[in-house]
């Protein structure tokens, strides 16, 4: 398939002097930005029944607008992202399965300046996964997402455009997450979204990529939360420093990326998005294609363990770079709402 520009979103998280655990102390402030959509148990049961292997195969990669110089300028009110830094550490449970997934024979370069298959296993191979959903017209799509450490141990980070249509405000339905997806296999099962969270600014701006971030709170399975089943969760930081060395992961749909059937990896030092006036996004010189939208940007990544700290999600791309928005207080409150769900 042709190379599809994708949307990048960054969840930037940093420490408040001391690292904060996933349980946030104190009540959340009043928030006019967080938008939550809940699904009943019956709707979730129908979603599980709906997503047969045949339907998974028929889903198309969700594409997103290209970040281009002629894109509309962003007003100053859309770029405020200050506030206290919040750092939630990763967690790995000692009884986690540690075997690496089956891999392809494609050679892996040491420096992934173009998407390469991830073959080193570790926590990222269990916490990264594919998202599938249906829009109001009945069209089926796929994106990427990553398990983020949280109070309820049931939260994934993805892109706003993988949760809501910014043009209409329509929230997608039959939303599921398959952690560790590989060539149609569901090694750790299928999880349904009980609540989806996106930013009001993403819709009111008609899809401004600076706000292209979303979270999903997923239903427990047999009384166990997602992170317990996959063996852990990646850390996450908000209001964090930028310009860092990062790694990105996603399920791009091009032939070179395995047609969306395997987890791919890029890495590099962040640079500013200079393609749009008013952009607050940061990115690297590597491009994953449609289907990778919502995938992880990780800092402080330990490749031997597959463990790092989420600082964003894949949101917007050009021909040479992929970008994530800087995550500030609005994204932090969105995450905290998902953590309480």
Protein backbone atom coordinates (compact mmCIF):
# COMPACT_ATOMS: atom_id res chain seq x y z
CA UNK A 1 0.00 0.00 0.00
CA UNK A 2 1.15 3.55 -0.48
CA UNK A 3 2.90 5.40 2.29
CA UNK A 4 0.28 7.22 4.33
CA UNK A 5 1.00 10.34 6.35
CA UNK A 6 -0.02 9.90 9.89
CA UNK A 7 -0.90 11.85 12.96
CA UNK A 8 1.48 12.11 15.85
CA UNK A 9 0.59 12.89 19.39
CA UNK A 10 2.89 13.36 22.35
CA UNK A 11 2.25 12.73 25.96
CA UNK A 12 5.09 14.66 27.57
CA UNK A 13 5.64 13.64 31.20
CA UNK A 14 8.20 14.77 33.71
CA UNK A 15 8.94 14.52 37.39
CA UNK A 16 7.65 16.85 40.04
CA UNK A 17 10.99 16.77 41.82
CA UNK A 18 10.15 13.30 43.06
CA UNK A 19 8.56 10.61 40.94
CA UNK A 20 4.82 10.24 41.47
CA UNK A 21 3.10 6.88 41.45
CA UNK A 22 0.02 6.08 39.37
CA UNK A 23 -2.45 6.94 42.13
CA UNK A 24 -2.97 10.70 41.93
CA UNK A 25 -3.56 12.36 45.28
CA UNK A 26 -6.36 14.86 45.77
CA UNK A 27 -9.49 15.58 43.74
CA UNK A 28 -9.15 16.53 40.08
CA UNK A 29 -9.81 20.18 39.24
CA UNK A 30 -12.85 21.19 37.27
CA UNK A 31 -12.13 20.42 33.65
CA UNK A 32 -13.95 21.80 30.63
CA UNK A 33 -11.63 20.01 28.18
CA UNK A 34 -12.16 16.34 28.96
CA UNK A 35 -14.79 14.55 26.92
CA UNK A 36 -15.72 11.00 27.96
CA UNK A 37 -17.91 8.47 26.16
CA UNK A 38 -19.05 5.36 28.05
CA UNK A 39 -20.10 2.00 26.62
CA UNK A 40 -22.42 -0.41 28.42
CA UNK A 41 -21.50 -4.01 29.16
CA UNK A 42 -23.94 -5.06 26.45
CA UNK A 43 -22.27 -2.80 23.89
CA UNK A 44 -18.88 -4.17 24.86
CA UNK A 45 -20.10 -7.76 24.58
CA UNK A 46 -21.40 -7.00 21.09
CA UNK A 47 -18.02 -5.49 20.17
CA UNK A 48 -16.23 -8.69 21.22
CA UNK A 49 -18.61 -10.78 19.12
CA UNK A 50 -18.32 -8.38 16.18
CA UNK A 51 -14.54 -8.48 15.77
CA UNK A 52 -14.03 -11.81 14.06
CA UNK A 53 -10.70 -12.55 12.38
CA UNK A 54 -12.29 -11.77 9.03
CA UNK A 55 -13.33 -8.30 10.21
CA UNK A 56 -9.88 -7.64 11.67
CA UNK A 57 -8.42 -8.40 8.26
CA UNK A 58 -10.88 -6.09 6.51
CA UNK A 59 -10.15 -3.02 8.68
CA UNK A 60 -8.30 -0.18 6.94
CA UNK A 61 -5.45 1.82 8.42
CA UNK A 62 -6.69 5.12 9.83
CA UNK A 63 -4.98 7.95 7.99
CA UNK A 64 -4.54 11.49 9.26
CA UNK A 65 -3.85 14.89 7.67
CA UNK A 66 -0.29 15.70 6.66
CA UNK A 67 1.55 18.36 8.66
CA UNK A 68 2.28 20.95 5.97
CA UNK A 69 3.60 24.53 5.85
CA UNK A 70 0.29 25.78 4.52
CA UNK A 71 -1.64 24.37 7.49
CA UNK A 72 -3.63 26.95 9.46
CA UNK A 73 -1.76 28.81 12.15
CA UNK A 74 -2.50 27.86 15.74
CA UNK A 75 -3.69 30.56 18.10
CA UNK A 76 -1.77 31.16 21.32
CA UNK A 77 -4.66 29.84 23.41
CA UNK A 78 -4.20 26.48 21.70
CA UNK A 79 -0.57 26.15 22.65
CA UNK A 80 -0.61 26.66 26.41
CA UNK A 81 0.68 23.44 27.89
CA UNK A 82 2.31 24.55 31.11
CA UNK A 83 1.74 23.25 34.58
CA UNK A 84 3.36 20.95 37.10
CA UNK A 85 5.36 18.06 35.80
CA UNK A 86 3.93 14.63 36.48
CA UNK A 87 5.92 11.42 36.14
CA UNK A 88 4.35 7.98 36.52
CA UNK A 89 6.97 5.20 36.45
CA UNK A 90 6.66 2.01 34.42
CA UNK A 91 5.65 -1.18 36.18
CA UNK A 92 6.62 -4.78 35.41
CA UNK A 93 4.94 -7.58 37.31
CA UNK A 94 7.30 -10.39 38.37
CA UNK A 95 5.10 -13.18 37.03
CA UNK A 96 4.96 -11.61 33.56
CA UNK A 97 5.56 -13.76 30.52
CA UNK A 98 8.91 -12.69 29.08
CA UNK A 99 9.25 -14.67 25.87
CA UNK A 100 9.60 -12.68 22.67
CA UNK A 101 6.90 -12.95 19.99
CA UNK A 102 7.41 -14.73 16.71
CA UNK A 103 9.40 -12.56 14.33
CA UNK A 104 10.06 -12.04 10.65
CA UNK A 105 13.38 -12.60 8.93
CA UNK A 106 13.77 -8.95 7.90
CA UNK A 107 17.18 -7.69 9.12
CA UNK A 108 17.16 -5.09 11.87
CA UNK A 109 19.50 -2.10 11.81
CA UNK A 110 21.03 -0.88 15.07
CA UNK A 111 19.80 2.64 14.36
CA UNK A 112 16.20 2.57 13.23
CA UNK A 113 16.00 5.72 11.12
CA UNK A 114 13.33 3.97 9.07
CA UNK A 115 10.72 1.56 10.44
CA UNK A 116 12.16 -1.82 11.33
CA UNK A 117 10.45 -4.86 12.85
CA UNK A 118 10.84 -5.03 16.62
CA UNK A 119 12.41 -8.40 17.53
CA UNK A 120 13.76 -7.87 21.03
CA UNK A 121 10.60 -8.72 22.95
CA UNK A 122 10.40 -7.19 26.41
CA UNK A 123 7.56 -5.20 27.89
CA UNK A 124 6.91 -3.14 24.73
CA UNK A 125 6.02 -6.33 22.82
CA UNK A 126 3.25 -6.97 25.37
CA UNK A 127 2.04 -3.41 26.01
CA UNK A 128 1.93 -2.20 22.39
CA UNK A 129 -1.04 -3.38 20.38
CA UNK A 130 -3.58 -2.72 17.69
CA UNK A 131 -6.87 -0.87 18.03
CA UNK A 132 -9.93 -1.65 15.90
CA UNK A 133 -13.16 0.36 15.66
CA UNK A 134 -16.16 1.23 13.49
CA UNK A 135 -17.39 4.67 12.43
CA UNK A 136 -21.01 5.79 12.02
CA UNK A 137 -21.00 4.76 8.34
CA UNK A 138 -20.01 1.20 9.26
CA UNK A 139 -16.44 1.53 7.97
CA UNK A 140 -13.80 -0.45 9.88
CA UNK A 141 -10.42 1.03 10.85
CA UNK A 142 -7.28 0.20 12.78
CA UNK A 143 -4.73 2.22 14.80
CA UNK A 144 -2.08 1.56 17.46
CA UNK A 145 -2.08 2.08 21.24
CA UNK A 146 0.09 1.40 24.30
CA UNK A 147 -0.64 0.41 27.90
CA UNK A 148 0.17 3.31 30.26
CA UNK A 149 0.67 2.80 33.99
CA UNK A 150 -2.33 4.17 35.85
CA UNK A 151 -4.27 3.87 39.08
CA UNK A 152 -6.74 1.39 37.60
CA UNK A 153 -4.07 -0.47 35.56
CA UNK A 154 -6.48 -0.42 32.59
CA UNK A 155 -5.51 2.62 30.47
CA UNK A 156 -4.06 2.84 26.95
CA UNK A 157 -2.72 5.91 25.17
CA UNK A 158 -3.67 6.45 21.52
CA UNK A 159 -4.34 9.29 19.08
CA UNK A 160 -7.41 11.53 19.14
CA UNK A 161 -8.19 10.68 15.53
CA UNK A 162 -8.39 7.00 16.57
CA UNK A 163 -11.22 7.83 18.99
CA UNK A 164 -13.25 10.68 17.49
CA UNK A 165 -13.97 12.27 14.10
CA UNK A 166 -12.80 15.85 14.62
CA UNK A 167 -15.01 17.10 11.77
CA UNK A 168 -18.27 15.85 13.26
CA UNK A 169 -17.55 15.04 16.91
CA UNK A 170 -18.64 11.44 16.29
CA UNK A 171 -16.98 9.08 18.78
CA UNK A 172 -16.12 5.73 17.23
CA UNK A 173 -17.74 2.53 18.48
CA UNK A 174 -17.02 -1.20 18.83
CA UNK A 175 -13.59 -0.07 20.07
CA UNK A 176 -11.20 -2.89 21.04
CA UNK A 177 -7.51 -3.24 21.88
CA UNK A 178 -5.39 -6.33 21.13
CA UNK A 179 -2.09 -6.18 23.07
CA UNK A 180 0.86 -7.96 21.49
CA UNK A 181 -0.95 -8.37 18.17
CA UNK A 182 1.19 -10.28 15.63
CA UNK A 183 0.04 -11.65 12.28
CA UNK A 184 -3.58 -12.01 13.34
CA UNK A 185 -2.77 -13.64 16.67
CA UNK A 186 -4.28 -12.36 19.93
CA UNK A 187 -1.71 -13.72 22.43
CA UNK A 188 -3.19 -11.89 25.42
CA UNK A 189 -6.78 -11.68 24.30
CA UNK A 190 -9.06 -8.81 23.27
CA UNK A 191 -10.06 -5.90 25.51
CA UNK A 192 -13.07 -3.62 25.04
CA UNK A 193 -13.22 0.10 25.80
CA UNK A 194 -15.60 0.90 28.62
CA UNK A 195 -14.80 4.62 28.27
CA UNK A 196 -13.04 6.73 25.63
CA UNK A 197 -11.51 10.12 26.46
CA UNK A 198 -10.61 12.92 24.04
CA UNK A 199 -10.04 16.68 24.25
CA UNK A 200 -12.74 19.21 23.46
CA UNK A 201 -10.06 21.34 21.74
CA UNK A 202 -9.33 18.58 19.25
CA UNK A 203 -12.89 18.65 17.96
CA UNK A 204 -13.52 22.41 18.32
CA UNK A 205 -10.34 23.10 16.31
CA UNK A 206 -11.49 20.62 13.63
CA UNK A 207 -8.52 18.35 14.25
CA UNK A 208 -5.62 20.54 15.33
CA UNK A 209 -2.78 18.03 15.76
CA UNK A 210 -1.52 19.77 18.91
CA UNK A 211 -4.49 18.13 20.67
CA UNK A 212 -4.45 14.77 18.89
CA UNK A 213 -4.25 12.63 22.02
CA UNK A 214 -6.74 10.23 23.58
CA UNK A 215 -7.00 7.58 26.25
CA UNK A 216 -9.17 4.50 26.65
CA UNK A 217 -10.15 2.83 29.91
CA UNK A 218 -10.60 -0.87 29.20
CA UNK A 219 -12.86 -3.43 30.83
CA UNK A 220 -11.29 -6.01 33.13
CA UNK A 221 -11.17 -9.63 32.05
CA UNK A 222 -12.02 -12.30 34.61
CA UNK A 223 -11.65 -9.64 37.29
CA UNK A 224 -8.09 -8.75 36.27
CA UNK A 225 -7.03 -5.39 34.79
CA UNK A 226 -5.19 -5.09 31.50
CA UNK A 227 -1.72 -4.38 32.97
CA UNK A 228 -1.87 -7.47 35.18
CA UNK A 229 -2.71 -9.65 32.18
CA UNK A 230 0.02 -8.29 29.87
CA UNK A 231 2.59 -8.18 32.69
CA UNK A 232 3.06 -4.46 33.19
CA UNK A 233 2.65 -0.97 31.76
CA UNK A 234 4.89 1.76 30.35
CA UNK A 235 5.54 4.88 32.40
CA UNK A 236 4.12 8.23 31.34
CA UNK A 237 5.18 11.88 31.75
CA UNK A 238 3.43 15.23 31.37
CA UNK A 239 4.92 18.73 30.98
CA UNK A 240 8.26 17.04 30.36
CA UNK A 241 11.40 18.44 28.71
CA UNK A 242 11.59 18.10 24.92
CA UNK A 243 14.46 17.52 22.50
CA UNK A 244 15.20 14.09 23.96
CA UNK A 245 16.24 10.81 22.39
CA UNK A 246 13.09 8.76 21.85
CA UNK A 247 11.83 5.50 20.37
CA UNK A 248 8.52 5.10 18.54
CA UNK A 249 6.46 1.96 17.99
CA UNK A 250 3.45 1.26 15.78
CA UNK A 251 1.67 -1.03 13.35
CA UNK A 252 2.19 0.78 10.05
CA UNK A 253 0.26 -0.63 7.10
CA UNK A 254 2.79 -0.38 4.27
CA UNK A 255 4.29 -3.48 2.71
CA UNK A 256 7.72 -2.54 4.06
CA UNK A 257 6.22 -2.46 7.56
CA UNK A 258 4.58 -5.86 7.26
CA UNK A 259 1.12 -4.66 6.15
CA UNK A 260 0.11 -3.82 9.72
CA UNK A 261 0.75 -7.37 10.95
CA UNK A 262 3.83 -6.69 13.10
CA UNK A 263 5.16 -4.12 15.56
CA UNK A 264 7.70 -1.70 14.05
CA UNK A 265 10.29 0.54 15.66
CA UNK A 266 11.96 3.92 14.97
CA UNK A 267 14.38 5.97 17.05
CA UNK A 268 16.10 9.37 17.02
CA UNK A 269 16.50 12.71 18.74
CA UNK A 270 13.42 14.91 18.82
CA UNK A 271 13.29 18.11 16.81
CA UNK A 272 10.63 20.80 16.56
CA UNK A 273 7.87 20.69 13.97
CA UNK A 274 8.65 23.73 11.83
CA UNK A 275 6.09 22.87 9.16
CA UNK A 276 3.09 24.55 10.79
CA UNK A 277 2.87 28.04 12.27
CA UNK A 278 2.04 27.65 15.95
CA UNK A 279 2.81 23.93 16.12
CA UNK A 280 3.91 22.60 19.52
CA UNK A 281 4.74 19.15 18.16
CA UNK A 282 8.11 17.40 18.27
CA UNK A 283 9.26 14.53 16.09
CA UNK A 284 12.03 12.37 14.67
CA UNK A 285 13.35 11.68 11.20
CA UNK A 286 11.57 8.40 10.64
CA UNK A 287 8.11 7.81 9.22
CA UNK A 288 5.70 5.02 10.06
CA UNK A 289 2.59 4.89 7.90
CA UNK A 290 -1.17 4.75 8.48
CA UNK A 291 -2.12 2.22 11.15
CA UNK A 292 0.75 3.40 13.36
CA UNK A 293 -1.35 6.38 14.47
CA UNK A 294 -1.61 6.36 18.26
CA UNK A 295 1.56 4.31 18.69
CA UNK A 296 4.07 5.11 21.42
CA UNK A 297 6.82 7.68 21.67
CA UNK A 298 9.01 6.52 24.57
CA UNK A 299 11.88 8.31 26.31
CA UNK A 300 14.30 6.70 28.79
CA UNK A 301 13.83 3.49 26.82
CA UNK A 302 15.77 0.39 27.88
CA UNK A 303 15.85 -1.76 24.77
CA UNK A 304 16.96 -4.91 26.58
CA UNK A 305 13.84 -4.80 28.75
CA UNK A 306 11.45 -2.99 26.38
CA UNK A 307 10.63 -0.50 29.13
CA UNK A 308 10.36 3.29 28.91
CA UNK A 309 8.28 6.35 29.62
CA UNK A 310 5.54 7.54 27.26
CA UNK A 311 6.04 11.11 26.10
CA UNK A 312 3.53 11.04 23.28
CA UNK A 313 1.74 9.11 20.57
CA UNK A 314 2.19 9.04 16.82
CA UNK A 315 0.03 11.76 15.31
CA UNK A 316 1.21 13.76 12.26
CA UNK A 317 3.79 12.87 9.64
CA UNK A 318 5.55 14.33 6.62
CA UNK A 319 7.57 12.51 3.97
CA UNK A 320 10.60 12.44 6.27
CA UNK A 321 9.44 12.88 9.87
CA UNK A 322 6.76 11.77 12.32
CA UNK A 323 5.55 14.05 15.11
CA UNK A 324 3.86 14.04 18.49
CA UNK A 325 2.18 16.99 20.24
CA UNK A 326 3.66 18.11 23.53
CA UNK A 327 1.40 16.98 26.35
CA UNK A 328 0.58 19.44 29.06
CA UNK A 329 -2.13 19.96 31.64
CA UNK A 330 -5.07 19.18 29.36
CA UNK A 331 -3.61 15.79 28.47
CA UNK A 332 -2.69 15.19 32.10
CA UNK A 333 -6.29 15.76 33.23
CA UNK A 334 -7.51 13.53 30.41
CA UNK A 335 -5.20 10.76 31.65
CA UNK A 336 -6.28 11.24 35.26
CA UNK A 337 -9.94 10.94 34.27
CA UNK A 338 -9.18 7.68 32.42
CA UNK A 339 -7.22 6.42 35.45
CA UNK A 340 -10.28 6.85 37.65
CA UNK A 341 -12.71 5.18 35.24
